[in-house]
Each structure stands twice: as C-alpha cells, then as structure tokens.
Amino acid sequence: AGKTLVIDAGTGIRELGLELMSGPFGRGQGELHLFFSHAHWDHIQGFPFFNPAYIPGNRIIIYSVHDLQKALVEQQQFLTFPVPMSIMKASIEFVTLNEGETVHIGDVAVNCIRNAHPGDSYSFRIEDEQNSFVFASDTEYKDLANGSVQPHLAFFKNADALIFDAQYSLQEGWIKEDWGHSSAMIGVDMALAAGVKQL
C-alpha cells in the first residue's frame, strides 16, 4: 500500500513528474519503482524531463531485464542532451530483472515475460492479494493456436485489467511481420482466451 509503480518513461512521464511534485516527491521524500519493458527510445526519452529525479532525497528504483543504466546515461551524453544524468540528485538505483523471477515491493508482486519484439521487450504482471494487472506493450502475436502464445495466455490469465499493444490494424499486423507489434483484434482474442476481466 502507498507504493508508486510506473512502467516505462516515454514523453508522458514529464506530466506525471509535474503531478508528483505536488506531493512527497516535491519535498524530496518520494519513492518510485520504475519498470522498463525495454530500452527503445520511445520508452526512455521522457526520463531527462522527469522532475522528481532532480530532487535530493527522492529514491527512484529502476527495474529492467535490459541494461537501463547504460541506456539512460548514454541518451543524456552532451552530444544529444545538454544535461548529464549525473546532475540528477535523487537516489537512483538499478535492479536487473530475470524472466520468471518475482520481485516483491511491499505486498505487490511483479513478474515479467519476454515478448516477440526486435531486441526483446517484456510484459509485466503486477498483483497483490486482491487485484492483478498486466501491461503487454511492444509485443507481436499472430496465431493463437501457435504454442508460442500459450505462455502469454497463462501470464494474462484472469487478470483484472490488461493493457495491450494495439499499434496496428489487423491487416497491418499481417503485413508488418516481425516489427514487434499487435492489433486490437488480437488483443480481444487473447483477453477472451485468458479470461481477462477488462481490456
């Protein structure tokens, strides 16, 4: 209870940071658990604009299978950004995730599963004793009869809510093979097959 978990740091994290500054994060008393699905630019480019990271006393724990420390530091090198990550005065820690291992944050359990996406991306299942939530972005599924989909259906099983990658129309999804994204229709099929309550 009372824990703040965030997934990825695209441009939207700037607005989130401004909202968080009105609470404990503005006083240097905030703790944020930031999970990254992967390190592609659209998932990390908002982090340099995340105000709580510049406030001494805040604690930001970053979780990823990928080397996010390398990715975040490199995007703020002087050639591409005028403010180095070393200017951020919050305590920033990095935790390496392994697929299939559970991370506990208070009474919340977080698991991840590898997605079909160039360079790999990871979906997250976040749950406590009452609720379960799955975030499945940057992932490509084609054939629900294919055995490769079964672990993902098990990962989604009976989730209270599922956020699903629906970048393409169904037709685009078939044309753009191996681009690492899915369609809303595939999401509906998977949610139904997995007994998801809300998609």
Protein backbone atom coordinates (compact mmCIF):
# COMPACT_ATOMS: atom_id res chain seq x y z
CA ALA A 1 0.00 0.00 0.00
CA GLY A 2 1.19 3.50 -0.77
CA LYS A 3 3.79 2.39 -3.30
CA THR A 4 4.19 4.20 -6.62
CA LEU A 5 4.91 1.94 -9.58
CA VAL A 6 5.42 3.27 -13.11
CA ILE A 7 6.05 1.40 -16.35
CA ASP A 8 8.34 3.00 -18.95
CA ALA A 9 9.40 6.62 -19.38
CA GLY A 10 8.15 7.93 -22.68
CA THR A 11 7.20 11.58 -23.05
CA GLY A 12 4.19 11.12 -20.75
CA ILE A 13 6.44 10.77 -17.71
CA ARG A 14 7.12 14.51 -17.85
CA GLU A 15 3.48 15.28 -16.99
CA LEU A 16 3.48 12.56 -14.34
CA GLY A 17 6.56 14.13 -12.78
CA LEU A 18 4.86 17.52 -12.58
CA GLU A 19 1.88 15.92 -10.82
CA LEU A 20 4.11 14.02 -8.39
CA MET A 21 5.93 17.22 -7.44
CA SER A 22 2.81 18.39 -5.56
CA GLY A 23 3.27 15.55 -3.05
CA PRO A 24 6.20 13.86 -1.26
CA PHE A 25 8.38 13.99 -4.40
CA GLY A 26 8.33 17.78 -4.31
CA ARG A 27 9.71 17.61 -0.76
CA GLY A 28 12.41 15.05 -1.55
CA GLN A 29 10.52 12.30 0.29
CA GLY A 30 9.21 10.24 -2.62
CA GLU A 31 9.93 6.65 -3.59
CA LEU A 32 9.25 5.46 -7.12
CA HIS A 33 9.55 1.97 -8.59
CA LEU A 34 10.11 2.41 -12.35
CA PHE A 35 9.88 -0.66 -14.58
CA PHE A 36 11.13 -0.63 -18.17
CA SER A 37 9.75 -3.00 -20.79
CA HIS A 38 12.82 -2.30 -22.94
CA ALA A 39 15.21 0.49 -23.85
CA HIS A 40 13.93 1.66 -27.22
CA TRP A 41 13.97 5.42 -27.46
CA ASP A 42 10.20 5.98 -27.26
CA HIS A 43 10.25 4.24 -23.85
CA ILE A 44 13.14 6.19 -22.31
CA GLN A 45 13.14 9.67 -23.89
CA GLY A 46 10.95 11.27 -21.23
CA PHE A 47 13.26 10.44 -18.33
CA PRO A 48 15.53 13.52 -18.71
CA PHE A 49 12.39 15.66 -18.18
CA PHE A 50 11.21 13.82 -15.04
CA ASN A 51 11.43 16.49 -12.34
CA PRO A 52 11.43 14.18 -9.27
CA ALA A 53 14.76 12.74 -10.46
CA TYR A 54 16.41 16.11 -9.84
CA ILE A 55 15.23 16.48 -6.22
CA PRO A 56 17.64 15.35 -3.48
CA GLY A 57 16.08 12.85 -1.09
CA ASN A 58 13.83 11.16 -3.63
CA ARG A 59 14.51 7.50 -4.30
CA ILE A 60 13.99 6.01 -7.75
CA ILE A 61 14.47 2.26 -8.20
CA ILE A 62 14.70 1.26 -11.85
CA TYR A 63 13.92 -2.34 -12.85
CA SER A 64 14.66 -3.93 -16.24
CA VAL A 65 16.00 -7.02 -17.92
CA HIS A 66 17.97 -4.69 -20.22
CA ASP A 67 20.90 -2.50 -19.18
CA LEU A 68 18.87 0.62 -18.45
CA GLN A 69 21.69 2.39 -16.68
CA LYS A 70 23.71 2.35 -19.91
CA ALA A 71 20.70 3.44 -22.00
CA LEU A 72 19.69 6.32 -19.73
CA VAL A 73 23.23 7.63 -19.24
CA GLU A 74 24.01 7.47 -22.96
CA GLN A 75 20.86 9.37 -24.02
CA GLN A 76 21.98 12.24 -21.79
CA GLN A 77 25.51 12.49 -23.16
CA PHE A 78 26.42 16.02 -24.24
CA LEU A 79 26.23 15.28 -27.96
CA THR A 80 22.50 14.58 -27.69
CA PHE A 81 21.38 16.32 -24.47
CA PRO A 82 22.82 19.28 -22.52
CA VAL A 83 22.19 17.90 -19.02
CA PRO A 84 24.06 14.72 -17.99
CA MET A 85 22.29 12.15 -15.83
CA SER A 86 24.85 12.86 -13.09
CA ILE A 87 23.04 16.17 -12.46
CA MET A 88 20.03 14.22 -11.17
CA LYS A 89 20.24 14.44 -7.36
CA ALA A 90 17.67 11.79 -6.45
CA SER A 91 19.00 8.42 -5.33
CA ILE A 92 18.75 6.27 -8.47
CA GLU A 93 19.22 2.52 -8.14
CA PHE A 94 19.17 -0.15 -10.81
CA VAL A 95 17.77 -3.67 -10.35
CA THR A 96 18.30 -6.33 -13.02
CA LEU A 97 15.20 -8.44 -13.65
CA ASN A 98 15.19 -12.04 -14.83
CA GLU A 99 12.27 -13.50 -16.71
CA GLY A 100 10.21 -15.73 -14.44
CA GLU A 101 11.55 -14.30 -11.18
CA THR A 102 9.19 -12.42 -8.89
CA VAL A 103 10.06 -9.01 -7.44
CA HIS A 104 8.22 -8.05 -4.24
CA ILE A 105 7.50 -4.41 -3.41
CA GLY A 106 5.63 -4.49 -0.14
CA ASP A 107 2.60 -6.71 -0.74
CA VAL A 108 2.84 -6.30 -4.52
CA ALA A 109 4.40 -8.99 -6.71
CA VAL A 110 5.80 -8.20 -10.18
CA ASN A 111 6.67 -10.76 -12.83
CA CYS A 112 7.81 -10.37 -16.44
CA ILE A 113 7.70 -12.42 -19.63
CA ARG A 114 9.67 -11.90 -22.84
CA ASN A 115 7.76 -10.60 -25.86
CA ALA A 116 8.28 -11.10 -29.58
CA HIS A 117 9.83 -7.71 -30.37
CA PRO A 118 13.10 -6.66 -32.04
CA GLY A 119 15.74 -6.65 -29.30
CA ASP A 120 13.19 -8.15 -26.86
CA SER A 121 10.59 -6.37 -24.78
CA TYR A 122 8.95 -7.60 -21.59
CA SER A 123 5.37 -7.64 -20.37
CA PHE A 124 4.66 -7.14 -16.68
CA ARG A 125 2.10 -8.74 -14.37
CA ILE A 126 1.57 -6.75 -11.19
CA GLU A 127 -0.63 -8.22 -8.47
CA ASP A 128 -1.48 -8.22 -4.80
CA GLU A 129 -3.95 -10.38 -2.88
CA GLN A 130 -6.95 -8.61 -4.44
CA ASN A 131 -6.02 -7.38 -7.91
CA SER A 132 -3.95 -8.31 -10.96
CA PHE A 133 -2.86 -6.04 -13.78
CA VAL A 134 -0.93 -6.91 -16.95
CA PHE A 135 0.94 -4.47 -19.18
CA ALA A 136 1.78 -6.01 -22.57
CA SER A 137 3.25 -3.41 -24.91
CA ASP A 138 5.60 -3.86 -27.85
CA THR A 139 4.73 -7.46 -28.49
CA GLU A 140 3.70 -9.36 -31.59
CA TYR A 141 1.23 -12.24 -31.72
CA LYS A 142 -0.12 -13.83 -34.86
CA ASP A 143 -1.70 -17.25 -34.34
CA LEU A 144 -3.42 -18.10 -31.07
CA ALA A 145 -3.15 -21.79 -31.98
CA ASN A 146 0.64 -21.45 -32.01
CA GLY A 147 2.28 -22.93 -28.92
CA SER A 148 4.44 -19.84 -28.50
CA VAL A 149 1.36 -17.87 -27.45
CA GLN A 150 0.37 -20.25 -24.65
CA PRO A 151 2.83 -18.89 -22.04
CA HIS A 152 1.45 -15.40 -22.68
CA LEU A 153 -2.15 -16.56 -22.26
CA ALA A 154 -1.11 -18.13 -18.95
CA PHE A 155 0.61 -14.85 -18.00
CA PHE A 156 -2.60 -12.91 -18.76
CA LYS A 157 -4.91 -15.48 -17.11
CA ASN A 158 -7.80 -13.98 -15.15
CA ALA A 159 -6.15 -10.54 -14.94
CA ASP A 160 -8.46 -7.81 -13.70
CA ALA A 161 -7.07 -5.48 -16.36
CA LEU A 162 -4.83 -5.86 -19.42
CA ILE A 163 -3.17 -3.05 -21.35
CA PHE A 164 -2.33 -4.49 -24.76
CA ASP A 165 -0.25 -3.34 -27.73
CA ALA A 166 -2.71 -2.36 -30.48
CA GLN A 167 -0.46 -0.30 -32.74
CA TYR A 168 -1.65 -1.89 -35.98
CA SER A 169 -4.93 -2.65 -37.63
CA LEU A 170 -5.45 -6.37 -38.16
CA GLN A 171 -4.38 -6.04 -41.81
CA GLU A 172 -1.25 -4.03 -40.94
CA GLY A 173 -0.35 -6.63 -38.34
CA TRP A 174 -0.14 -9.30 -41.02
CA ILE A 175 1.83 -7.10 -43.42
CA LYS A 176 4.35 -5.78 -40.89
CA GLU A 177 5.60 -9.16 -39.80
CA ASP A 178 8.39 -9.22 -37.21
CA TRP A 179 8.02 -5.49 -36.46
CA GLY A 180 7.07 -6.44 -32.89
CA HIS A 181 3.55 -5.03 -32.53
CA SER A 182 -0.02 -6.36 -32.50
CA SER A 183 -3.57 -5.29 -33.27
CA ALA A 184 -6.64 -4.62 -31.15
CA MET A 185 -8.37 -7.68 -32.59
CA ILE A 186 -5.56 -9.97 -31.45
CA GLY A 187 -5.79 -8.31 -28.06
CA VAL A 188 -9.51 -9.07 -27.86
CA ASP A 189 -8.93 -12.71 -28.83
CA MET A 190 -6.16 -13.12 -26.25
CA ALA A 191 -8.11 -11.38 -23.50
CA LEU A 192 -11.12 -13.63 -24.12
CA ALA A 193 -8.95 -16.77 -24.22
CA ALA A 194 -7.23 -15.78 -20.97
CA GLY A 195 -10.39 -14.76 -19.09
CA VAL A 196 -9.25 -11.16 -18.67
CA LYS A 197 -11.89 -9.01 -16.99
CA GLN A 198 -11.10 -5.66 -18.64
CA LEU A 199 -9.06 -4.94 -21.77
